Amino acid sequence: MSPQVFRDFQRIYPVITRGKGVFLYDQAGREYLDAVGGIAVVNVGHGVPEIIAAMTEQAQRVAFVHGGAFANEPAMALAEELATWTPRGLRHVLLLAGGSEATETAMKLARQYHVERGRTSKYRIISRWTSYHGNTIGALSMSGRTAWRGEFVPYLQNFPKIHPPFCYRCPYGKTYPSCQIACADDLERVITLEGPDSIAAFIAEPVIGTSAAGVTPPPEYYPRIRAICDKYDVLFIADEVITGVGRTGKNFGIDHWGVIPDMITTAKALSSGYAPLAAVILHEKVYDAIARGSARTTQGFTYSGHPLSAAVGLAVLRYLKAHDLVANAARIGRRLLERLTSLQRFPIVGDVRGTGLILGVEFVADQATKRPFPPDAEVTRRIVEATLEEGVVVVPGMSGMIDGVCGDHIQISPPYIFSEANVEQLVAALEVAIQKVMREVEPSRA
C-alpha cells in the first residue's frame, strides 16, 4: 500500500507516467484519450515544448519571491496580458494558486468592497444549489454541492442558495420560454427575504461544472441576474474557474450573455495544468472603492504571484492566441455536442448539454419521465469505468445533482486541441460503455 493518501482509500489508481497532446500513458504503456483535460484543466495539450521552455527559462532565473515584499516580471506581464482577455472594465488582476483560493478571495473582497463604502452590514453571499465554488470552508459555504457539504455543515457559513437554471429538470416544473426565467427571479425573492442590507454578492458558474456538467442558462438569465444585483447593490461574481480562458469557445463564459460581472475568478485553463495558478479579476468599480479607502488588502497567500507559475500562464495565453485555440474550442465543441446528442438513441441517456468544451451527459432509468436511477445502481461509476476500459477518460459528475441523493452524469471537457477524429474515438467508447452498462442495470431498472 502506498503511503500517499488518495481520495478513494479503496481504489487502485492507474499510474500515469507521461502525456503527449490529448493522450496519457500509464506505467504499462497503455494509451488513454484524455477527454476531460485532467478535469477541465489542460487546454493546450500535454507536453507542449513552448510551455516547458517558458517554465525552464523562468526556473533558471528565479522560481519564488515573496509577493508582500517584491514584484516580479512574469506576474506583471501575465496580469497585463490577462486584462486584454476580459470583459470591459475588468482589468485589475490578483494572482493566486488555485480555484478555491480565488473564490474564497472574491468572497472576502466583496465584503471589503462594501466595508470601504460604509455598507458594513453586507457580508452574506448568495449562490445556487447544484454548484461548486471550492473546497475551503468559505468556498464550500458558497457551494451547493450537497454530497460534499454534509459532514462539514457545522463549519459552514449560513449563506442562502437559489435554484439553478436547470431547464431539463426545472425546479418549478415549467418550460422555457414560457417560464419567464423564474429561476433568475428567485435571486430577487431571496435577496428581499434575507434583507438586502445583509447581502454582499451573488456568485455563479456561467456554465455549471461537475455538479451538473454543461448546464447552460437561457439567453435572458444573466442579464436578469445583473439587473437584480444592480437594483440591490449586490456584486455579481462570475466563477470561471472551469469556464474561463476559452473553454466555452469565448474568452470567458459570461461573454456568451454580454454581461459584465464585478469580479471573475479563474484558474485551471489559465496554466493548462503545467503549474498551480489562479486569478481574481476585479472590475474598476471594486478596485477603485478599495483604492479610495484603505488602499490595501490582506488577500495574499504564499504562492500569490508565483513567478514560475506566472511565466507558465503567460506562455499558455500566448500559445492559445498564436494557435487560435479558443475558436477551435467553439468549433470542436459544436461538433462534439452534435455527436454526443446521437447517444440519446440509447434509452438510459437523458440529457446531453453544454457550451464549447464543457459538456455533460445525464443518465436516466426512464427517458420519458426523466426518472433517475437509484444511487445504489452506481450508473455513473459503471459508465466511467467502462469508458476507461475502452481507453478513454471521462469524469464522473457529482452524485445527487437532482435532489441531493439521486442523479447520474459525466463531464466531458477535453483540451482545445481535440480533433474530429478524437471526437469519434470518444463517442465510440461511450457507445460501447453505455451498452455494457445497460446490460448490467436492465434487470433492476424498473
Protein backbone atom coordinates (compact mmCIF):
# COMPACT_ATOMS: atom_id res chain seq x y z
CA MET A 1 0.00 0.00 0.00
CA SER A 2 1.34 3.42 -0.98
CA PRO A 3 1.96 5.91 1.85
CA GLN A 4 0.30 8.56 -0.33
CA VAL A 5 -3.29 9.30 0.69
CA PHE A 6 -5.67 9.18 -2.26
CA ARG A 7 -9.24 10.47 -2.45
CA ASP A 8 -10.66 6.94 -2.55
CA PHE A 9 -8.85 4.77 0.00
CA GLN A 10 -10.09 1.55 -1.63
CA ARG A 11 -9.44 2.27 -5.28
CA ILE A 12 -6.27 1.24 -7.11
CA TYR A 13 -5.31 4.13 -9.38
CA PRO A 14 -3.54 3.70 -12.73
CA VAL A 15 -0.16 5.43 -12.53
CA ILE A 16 0.35 7.91 -15.37
CA THR A 17 3.98 8.39 -16.40
CA ARG A 18 3.70 10.82 -19.32
CA GLY A 19 1.37 12.74 -21.58
CA LYS A 20 1.51 13.99 -25.15
CA GLY A 21 -1.09 16.09 -26.89
CA VAL A 22 -4.51 14.67 -25.98
CA PHE A 23 -3.14 11.34 -24.75
CA LEU A 24 -1.89 9.97 -21.41
CA TYR A 25 0.27 6.87 -20.88
CA ASP A 26 0.47 4.65 -17.82
CA GLN A 27 3.29 2.53 -16.39
CA ALA A 28 2.38 -0.36 -18.66
CA GLY A 29 2.50 1.90 -21.72
CA ARG A 30 -1.27 1.87 -22.23
CA GLU A 31 -2.64 4.91 -24.05
CA TYR A 32 -5.69 6.87 -22.84
CA LEU A 33 -7.54 9.61 -24.70
CA ASP A 34 -7.83 12.48 -22.21
CA ALA A 35 -11.40 13.59 -22.92
CA VAL A 36 -11.55 15.70 -19.76
CA GLY A 37 -8.31 17.68 -19.90
CA GLY A 38 -7.36 16.36 -16.47
CA ILE A 39 -10.53 17.90 -15.07
CA ALA A 40 -11.24 20.88 -17.35
CA VAL A 41 -7.64 21.98 -16.81
CA VAL A 42 -5.43 21.00 -19.75
CA ASN A 43 -6.29 23.16 -22.76
CA VAL A 44 -3.15 23.36 -24.92
CA GLY A 45 -2.39 19.65 -24.50
CA HIS A 46 0.22 17.64 -22.65
CA GLY A 47 3.95 18.02 -23.27
CA VAL A 48 3.87 21.26 -25.27
CA PRO A 49 7.51 22.35 -25.88
CA GLU A 50 6.77 26.09 -25.73
CA ILE A 51 5.23 25.82 -22.26
CA ILE A 52 8.02 23.60 -20.96
CA ALA A 53 10.61 26.05 -22.33
CA ALA A 54 8.95 29.00 -20.58
CA MET A 55 8.88 27.08 -17.31
CA THR A 56 12.52 26.06 -17.63
CA GLU A 57 13.70 29.55 -18.52
CA GLN A 58 11.91 31.11 -15.54
CA ALA A 59 13.20 28.42 -13.15
CA GLN A 60 16.71 29.35 -14.22
CA ARG A 61 16.02 32.99 -13.38
CA VAL A 62 14.02 32.90 -10.13
CA ALA A 63 11.31 30.48 -9.05
CA PHE A 64 9.93 32.28 -5.98
CA VAL A 65 9.78 35.72 -4.42
CA HIS A 66 7.56 36.89 -1.58
CA GLY A 67 4.70 38.92 -3.03
CA GLY A 68 4.44 41.01 0.12
CA ALA A 69 7.94 42.35 -0.43
CA PHE A 70 8.63 42.26 -4.18
CA ALA A 71 7.03 42.45 -7.59
CA ASN A 72 8.24 40.16 -10.37
CA GLU A 73 8.30 40.46 -14.14
CA PRO A 74 6.30 37.36 -15.18
CA ALA A 75 3.46 38.16 -12.78
CA MET A 76 3.22 41.74 -14.06
CA ALA A 77 3.33 40.56 -17.68
CA LEU A 78 0.66 37.91 -17.06
CA ALA A 79 -1.65 40.44 -15.42
CA GLU A 80 -1.23 42.80 -18.40
CA GLU A 81 -1.98 40.00 -20.87
CA LEU A 82 -4.93 38.58 -18.93
CA ALA A 83 -6.51 42.04 -18.74
CA THR A 84 -6.72 42.03 -22.55
CA TRP A 85 -8.91 38.89 -22.42
CA THR A 86 -11.54 40.19 -20.03
CA PRO A 87 -14.91 41.93 -20.40
CA ARG A 88 -14.84 45.72 -20.40
CA GLY A 89 -13.87 47.28 -17.07
CA LEU A 90 -12.29 44.18 -15.56
CA ARG A 91 -8.58 44.97 -15.64
CA HIS A 92 -7.18 44.53 -12.12
CA VAL A 93 -5.68 41.09 -11.53
CA LEU A 94 -4.81 39.35 -8.27
CA LEU A 95 -2.79 36.17 -8.93
CA LEU A 96 -3.23 33.11 -6.71
CA ALA A 97 -2.50 29.39 -6.79
CA GLY A 98 -5.86 27.60 -7.10
CA GLY A 99 -9.58 27.93 -7.73
CA SER A 100 -10.63 27.62 -4.09
CA GLU A 101 -8.19 30.39 -3.17
CA ALA A 102 -9.71 32.53 -5.91
CA THR A 103 -13.36 32.13 -4.91
CA GLU A 104 -12.55 32.49 -1.21
CA THR A 105 -10.63 35.68 -2.02
CA ALA A 106 -13.51 37.02 -4.12
CA MET A 107 -15.86 36.41 -1.19
CA LYS A 108 -13.59 38.41 1.13
CA LEU A 109 -13.05 41.19 -1.40
CA ALA A 110 -16.82 41.52 -1.79
CA ARG A 111 -17.03 42.10 1.94
CA GLN A 112 -14.14 44.60 1.85
CA TYR A 113 -15.77 46.49 -1.05
CA HIS A 114 -18.90 47.14 0.99
CA VAL A 115 -16.99 47.96 4.19
CA GLU A 116 -14.85 50.50 2.33
CA ARG A 117 -18.10 52.19 1.22
CA GLY A 118 -19.60 52.20 4.70
CA ARG A 119 -22.09 49.37 4.00
CA THR A 120 -20.79 47.27 6.89
CA SER A 121 -23.93 45.12 7.29
CA LYS A 122 -23.35 43.46 3.90
CA TYR A 123 -21.46 40.18 4.25
CA ARG A 124 -23.55 37.24 3.06
CA ILE A 125 -23.05 35.58 -0.33
CA ILE A 126 -25.95 34.09 -2.31
CA SER A 127 -25.14 31.15 -4.55
CA ARG A 128 -27.05 28.29 -6.18
CA TRP A 129 -27.81 24.73 -5.29
CA THR A 130 -26.08 22.25 -7.61
CA SER A 131 -22.96 24.39 -7.75
CA TYR A 132 -19.32 24.14 -6.72
CA HIS A 133 -17.03 27.00 -5.77
CA GLY A 134 -14.20 25.23 -3.97
CA ASN A 135 -13.23 23.05 -1.04
CA THR A 136 -12.05 25.52 1.59
CA ILE A 137 -14.59 26.40 4.26
CA GLY A 138 -15.62 29.75 2.77
CA ALA A 139 -15.76 28.38 -0.76
CA LEU A 140 -17.66 25.30 0.39
CA SER A 141 -20.10 27.56 2.24
CA MET A 142 -20.91 29.15 -1.10
CA SER A 143 -21.15 25.77 -2.86
CA GLY A 144 -24.43 23.97 -3.36
CA ARG A 145 -22.88 20.52 -3.76
CA THR A 146 -24.72 18.61 -1.05
CA ALA A 147 -22.58 15.47 -1.28
CA TRP A 148 -19.50 17.41 -0.20
CA ARG A 149 -21.14 19.73 2.33
CA GLY A 150 -22.87 17.25 4.64
CA GLU A 151 -20.28 16.34 7.27
CA PHE A 152 -18.83 19.88 7.37
CA VAL A 153 -22.09 21.79 7.89
CA PRO A 154 -21.11 22.81 11.47
CA TYR A 155 -18.20 24.79 10.00
CA LEU A 156 -20.07 26.39 7.09
CA GLN A 157 -21.41 29.92 6.86
CA ASN A 158 -25.18 30.21 6.60
CA PHE A 159 -25.20 31.56 3.06
CA PRO A 160 -28.51 31.49 1.14
CA LYS A 161 -28.99 29.40 -2.03
CA ILE A 162 -31.33 29.76 -5.00
CA HIS A 163 -32.46 27.24 -7.61
CA PRO A 164 -30.10 26.58 -10.54
CA PRO A 165 -31.10 27.38 -14.16
CA PHE A 166 -31.53 23.67 -14.92
CA CYS A 167 -34.07 23.58 -17.76
CA TYR A 168 -34.01 19.78 -18.15
CA ARG A 169 -35.05 19.48 -14.51
CA CYS A 170 -36.80 22.80 -13.93
CA PRO A 171 -37.47 23.10 -10.17
CA TYR A 172 -40.69 24.94 -11.00
CA GLY A 173 -41.99 22.35 -13.45
CA LYS A 174 -42.02 24.99 -16.17
CA THR A 175 -40.77 25.07 -19.76
CA TYR A 176 -38.63 27.69 -21.46
CA PRO A 177 -39.53 30.33 -22.63
CA SER A 178 -42.98 30.39 -21.01
CA CYS A 179 -41.20 30.06 -17.64
CA GLN A 180 -40.18 33.74 -17.98
CA ILE A 181 -36.86 32.83 -16.33
CA ALA A 182 -38.36 32.21 -12.91
CA CYS A 183 -35.00 30.79 -11.75
CA ALA A 184 -33.40 34.22 -12.19
CA ASP A 185 -36.21 35.96 -10.34
CA ASP A 186 -35.53 33.57 -7.46
CA LEU A 187 -32.48 35.73 -6.73
CA GLU A 188 -34.64 38.80 -6.08
CA ARG A 189 -37.01 36.76 -3.92
CA VAL A 190 -34.14 35.55 -1.71
CA ILE A 191 -32.47 38.97 -1.51
CA THR A 192 -35.69 40.58 -0.29
CA LEU A 193 -36.48 37.74 2.13
CA GLU A 194 -32.97 37.73 3.64
CA GLY A 195 -32.74 41.51 3.65
CA PRO A 196 -30.77 43.44 1.01
CA ASP A 197 -28.66 45.12 3.68
CA SER A 198 -27.07 41.76 4.55
CA ILE A 199 -26.25 40.56 1.01
CA ALA A 200 -22.79 41.36 -0.35
CA ALA A 201 -22.65 39.31 -3.56
CA PHE A 202 -24.11 36.63 -5.78
CA ILE A 203 -21.73 34.01 -7.19
CA ALA A 204 -22.45 31.67 -10.11
CA GLU A 205 -20.69 29.48 -12.65
CA PRO A 206 -21.73 30.81 -16.10
CA VAL A 207 -21.99 27.18 -17.28
CA ILE A 208 -22.25 24.69 -14.44
CA GLY A 209 -19.29 22.37 -13.97
CA THR A 210 -19.09 18.88 -12.48
CA SER A 211 -22.07 19.39 -10.14
CA ALA A 212 -24.37 19.30 -13.20
CA ALA A 213 -21.90 19.28 -16.07
CA GLY A 214 -22.73 21.50 -19.02
CA VAL A 215 -25.97 23.07 -17.72
CA THR A 216 -26.26 26.33 -19.66
CA PRO A 217 -28.82 29.05 -18.77
CA PRO A 218 -31.12 30.65 -21.37
CA PRO A 219 -30.05 33.93 -23.07
CA GLU A 220 -32.12 36.12 -20.74
CA TYR A 221 -30.80 34.63 -17.50
CA TYR A 222 -27.62 36.60 -16.75
CA PRO A 223 -28.94 39.96 -17.98
CA ARG A 224 -31.77 39.49 -15.46
CA ILE A 225 -29.29 38.49 -12.75
CA ARG A 226 -27.17 41.57 -13.48
CA ALA A 227 -30.20 43.86 -13.22
CA ILE A 228 -31.26 42.35 -9.89
CA CYS A 229 -27.76 42.70 -8.47
CA ASP A 230 -27.61 46.35 -9.53
CA LYS A 231 -31.02 47.03 -8.01
CA TYR A 232 -29.94 45.86 -4.56
CA ASP A 233 -26.27 46.93 -4.55
CA VAL A 234 -25.11 43.31 -4.73
CA LEU A 235 -21.89 42.36 -6.51
CA PHE A 236 -22.01 39.69 -9.21
CA ILE A 237 -19.08 37.25 -9.10
CA ALA A 238 -18.65 35.04 -12.17
CA ASP A 239 -16.91 31.85 -11.06
CA GLU A 240 -14.95 30.96 -14.19
CA VAL A 241 -12.53 28.53 -12.60
CA ILE A 242 -13.80 25.99 -15.17
CA THR A 243 -15.32 28.16 -17.91
CA GLY A 244 -12.60 30.82 -18.11
CA VAL A 245 -9.78 31.29 -20.60
CA GLY A 246 -11.58 29.92 -23.62
CA ARG A 247 -13.23 26.67 -22.55
CA THR A 248 -16.70 27.72 -23.70
CA GLY A 249 -15.47 28.98 -27.07
CA LYS A 250 -15.24 32.58 -25.87
CA ASN A 251 -12.57 34.16 -23.66
CA PHE A 252 -14.85 33.87 -20.64
CA GLY A 253 -18.12 32.02 -20.27
CA ILE A 254 -20.04 35.11 -19.24
CA ASP A 255 -19.20 36.64 -22.64
CA HIS A 256 -21.94 34.47 -24.17
CA TRP A 257 -24.51 36.62 -22.34
CA GLY A 258 -22.88 40.02 -22.97
CA VAL A 259 -22.95 40.73 -19.23
CA ILE A 260 -20.15 42.39 -17.25
CA PRO A 261 -19.64 40.96 -13.74
CA ASP A 262 -17.98 42.78 -10.86
CA MET A 263 -15.40 40.04 -10.33
CA ILE A 264 -14.22 37.00 -12.25
CA THR A 265 -12.44 34.07 -10.65
CA THR A 266 -10.45 31.80 -12.93
CA ALA A 267 -7.86 29.03 -12.64
CA LYS A 268 -7.49 25.59 -14.31
CA ALA A 269 -7.05 26.57 -18.00
CA LEU A 270 -5.05 29.66 -17.03
CA SER A 271 -1.95 27.46 -16.77
CA SER A 272 -3.22 24.37 -18.62
CA GLY A 273 -2.18 22.39 -15.55
CA TYR A 274 1.55 22.96 -16.02
CA ALA A 275 1.71 24.83 -12.68
CA PRO A 276 -0.79 25.81 -9.96
CA LEU A 277 -2.28 29.18 -10.94
CA ALA A 278 -5.47 31.18 -10.43
CA ALA A 279 -6.68 34.75 -10.53
CA VAL A 280 -9.34 37.11 -9.26
CA ILE A 281 -10.07 39.84 -11.78
CA LEU A 282 -11.67 42.98 -10.37
CA HIS A 283 -13.89 45.48 -12.11
CA GLU A 284 -12.72 49.06 -11.83
CA LYS A 285 -15.62 49.91 -9.50
CA VAL A 286 -14.47 47.31 -6.96
CA TYR A 287 -10.80 48.21 -7.26
CA ASP A 288 -11.49 51.95 -7.07
CA ALA A 289 -13.63 51.62 -3.93
CA ILE A 290 -10.74 49.91 -2.14
CA ALA A 291 -8.13 52.24 -3.66
CA ARG A 292 -10.04 55.32 -2.43
CA GLY A 293 -10.42 53.77 1.02
CA SER A 294 -7.74 51.74 2.78
CA ALA A 295 -5.77 51.22 -0.46
CA ARG A 296 -4.63 47.80 0.70
CA THR A 297 -5.84 44.22 1.02
CA THR A 298 -4.83 41.29 3.18
CA GLN A 299 -5.78 38.76 0.50
CA GLY A 300 -2.33 37.28 -0.02
CA PHE A 301 -1.14 33.67 0.01
CA THR A 302 2.35 32.21 -0.03
CA TYR A 303 2.14 31.49 -3.75
CA SER A 304 0.31 34.66 -4.83
CA GLY A 305 2.02 35.96 -7.96
CA HIS A 306 4.40 32.99 -8.05
CA PRO A 307 6.96 33.81 -10.79
CA LEU A 308 7.26 30.29 -12.20
CA SER A 309 3.50 29.79 -12.37
CA ALA A 310 3.02 33.26 -13.86
CA ALA A 311 5.57 32.53 -16.59
CA VAL A 312 3.65 29.38 -17.42
CA GLY A 313 0.34 31.25 -17.51
CA LEU A 314 1.75 33.89 -19.83
CA ALA A 315 3.10 31.20 -22.17
CA VAL A 316 -0.28 29.44 -22.18
CA LEU A 317 -2.20 32.61 -23.07
CA ARG A 318 0.24 33.39 -25.87
CA TYR A 319 0.01 29.83 -27.17
CA LEU A 320 -3.80 29.95 -27.17
CA LYS A 321 -3.70 33.17 -29.21
CA ALA A 322 -1.00 32.00 -31.62
CA HIS A 323 -2.91 28.82 -32.47
CA ASP A 324 -6.44 30.32 -32.33
CA LEU A 325 -7.46 27.61 -29.87
CA VAL A 326 -10.42 29.45 -28.36
CA ALA A 327 -12.05 29.41 -31.79
CA ASN A 328 -11.19 25.72 -32.09
CA ALA A 329 -12.85 25.08 -28.73
CA ALA A 330 -16.03 26.63 -30.13
CA ARG A 331 -15.84 24.66 -33.40
CA ILE A 332 -14.98 21.28 -31.90
CA GLY A 333 -17.45 21.90 -29.08
CA ARG A 334 -20.30 22.26 -31.56
CA ARG A 335 -19.27 19.04 -33.31
CA LEU A 336 -18.86 17.18 -30.03
CA LEU A 337 -22.29 18.28 -28.77
CA GLU A 338 -23.83 17.13 -32.05
CA ARG A 339 -22.19 13.70 -31.84
CA LEU A 340 -22.98 13.26 -28.14
CA THR A 341 -26.63 14.06 -28.86
CA SER A 342 -26.73 10.91 -31.01
CA LEU A 343 -26.30 8.91 -27.79
CA GLN A 344 -29.90 9.74 -26.88
CA ARG A 345 -30.92 6.78 -29.04
CA PHE A 346 -29.94 4.69 -26.03
CA PRO A 347 -32.81 4.55 -23.51
CA ILE A 348 -30.62 5.36 -20.48
CA VAL A 349 -29.30 8.63 -21.96
CA GLY A 350 -31.46 11.54 -20.82
CA ASP A 351 -29.96 14.97 -21.33
CA VAL A 352 -26.95 15.98 -23.44
CA ARG A 353 -25.88 19.57 -22.84
CA GLY A 354 -23.01 22.01 -22.84
CA THR A 355 -21.30 25.04 -24.33
CA GLY A 356 -17.97 24.85 -26.11
CA LEU A 357 -15.84 22.21 -24.45
CA ILE A 358 -17.67 21.88 -21.15
CA LEU A 359 -20.33 19.24 -21.74
CA GLY A 360 -22.37 16.71 -19.80
CA VAL A 361 -24.33 13.54 -20.45
CA GLU A 362 -27.05 12.59 -17.94
CA PHE A 363 -28.29 9.03 -17.48
CA VAL A 364 -31.84 8.11 -16.51
CA ALA A 365 -33.86 4.99 -15.81
CA ASP A 366 -36.74 6.33 -17.93
CA GLN A 367 -36.31 8.87 -20.74
CA ALA A 368 -39.99 9.85 -20.84
CA THR A 369 -40.33 10.66 -17.15
CA LYS A 370 -36.64 11.55 -16.54
CA ARG A 371 -36.73 9.21 -13.55
CA PRO A 372 -33.22 8.74 -12.20
CA PHE A 373 -31.53 5.50 -11.27
CA PRO A 374 -31.33 4.69 -7.57
CA PRO A 375 -27.92 5.62 -6.15
CA ASP A 376 -27.02 2.01 -5.38
CA ALA A 377 -27.11 1.21 -9.12
CA GLU A 378 -23.89 3.25 -9.38
CA VAL A 379 -24.53 4.06 -13.03
CA THR A 380 -22.03 6.93 -13.18
CA ARG A 381 -19.22 4.80 -11.79
CA ARG A 382 -20.06 1.98 -14.20
CA ILE A 383 -20.05 4.31 -17.21
CA VAL A 384 -16.74 5.93 -16.25
CA GLU A 385 -15.03 2.59 -15.66
CA ALA A 386 -16.42 1.02 -18.84
CA THR A 387 -15.26 4.03 -20.86
CA LEU A 388 -11.80 3.79 -19.31
CA GLU A 389 -11.67 0.13 -20.37
CA GLU A 390 -12.04 1.46 -23.92
CA GLY A 391 -9.03 3.72 -23.41
CA VAL A 392 -10.94 7.00 -22.93
CA VAL A 393 -11.01 9.14 -19.78
CA VAL A 394 -14.23 10.88 -18.71
CA VAL A 395 -15.04 12.39 -15.30
CA PRO A 396 -17.90 11.27 -13.04
CA GLY A 397 -20.34 14.08 -12.39
CA MET A 398 -21.17 14.78 -8.78
CA SER A 399 -23.80 12.44 -7.37
CA GLY A 400 -27.07 13.83 -6.09
CA MET A 401 -27.39 16.64 -8.62
CA ILE A 402 -31.19 16.22 -8.78
CA ASP A 403 -32.24 16.18 -5.14
CA GLY A 404 -29.03 15.77 -3.18
CA VAL A 405 -29.33 11.98 -3.43
CA CYS A 406 -30.09 10.86 -6.98
CA GLY A 407 -28.62 11.79 -10.35
CA ASP A 408 -26.09 10.22 -12.71
CA HIS A 409 -23.99 12.11 -15.24
CA ILE A 410 -20.49 12.51 -16.65
CA GLN A 411 -18.41 15.54 -17.57
CA ILE A 412 -16.57 15.86 -20.88
CA SER A 413 -14.09 18.74 -21.10
CA PRO A 414 -11.19 17.89 -23.44
CA PRO A 415 -8.18 20.01 -24.43
CA TYR A 416 -8.89 22.69 -27.02
CA ILE A 417 -6.66 20.82 -29.49
CA PHE A 418 -9.21 17.99 -29.72
CA SER A 419 -9.79 16.90 -33.31
CA GLU A 420 -12.80 15.41 -35.09
CA ALA A 421 -11.01 12.05 -35.02
CA ASN A 422 -10.71 12.39 -31.24
CA VAL A 423 -14.43 13.18 -31.07
CA GLU A 424 -15.24 9.97 -32.94
CA GLN A 425 -12.98 7.91 -30.67
CA LEU A 426 -14.68 9.36 -27.59
CA VAL A 427 -18.21 8.77 -28.89
CA ALA A 428 -17.37 5.22 -29.98
CA ALA A 429 -16.04 4.43 -26.49
CA LEU A 430 -19.14 5.87 -24.86
CA GLU A 431 -21.37 3.79 -27.14
CA VAL A 432 -19.63 0.62 -26.02
CA ALA A 433 -19.71 1.68 -22.37
CA ILE A 434 -23.39 2.65 -22.42
CA GLN A 435 -24.43 -0.64 -23.98
CA LYS A 436 -22.37 -2.57 -21.44
CA VAL A 437 -23.92 -0.70 -18.51
CA MET A 438 -27.42 -1.07 -19.96
CA ARG A 439 -26.98 -4.85 -19.85
CA GLU A 440 -25.81 -4.64 -16.24
CA VAL A 441 -28.58 -2.42 -14.88
CA GLU A 442 -31.52 -3.54 -17.02
CA PRO A 443 -32.84 -6.11 -14.51
CA SER A 444 -33.01 -3.53 -11.70
CA ARG A 445 -34.28 -0.50 -13.67
CA ALA A 446 -37.98 -0.96 -13.11
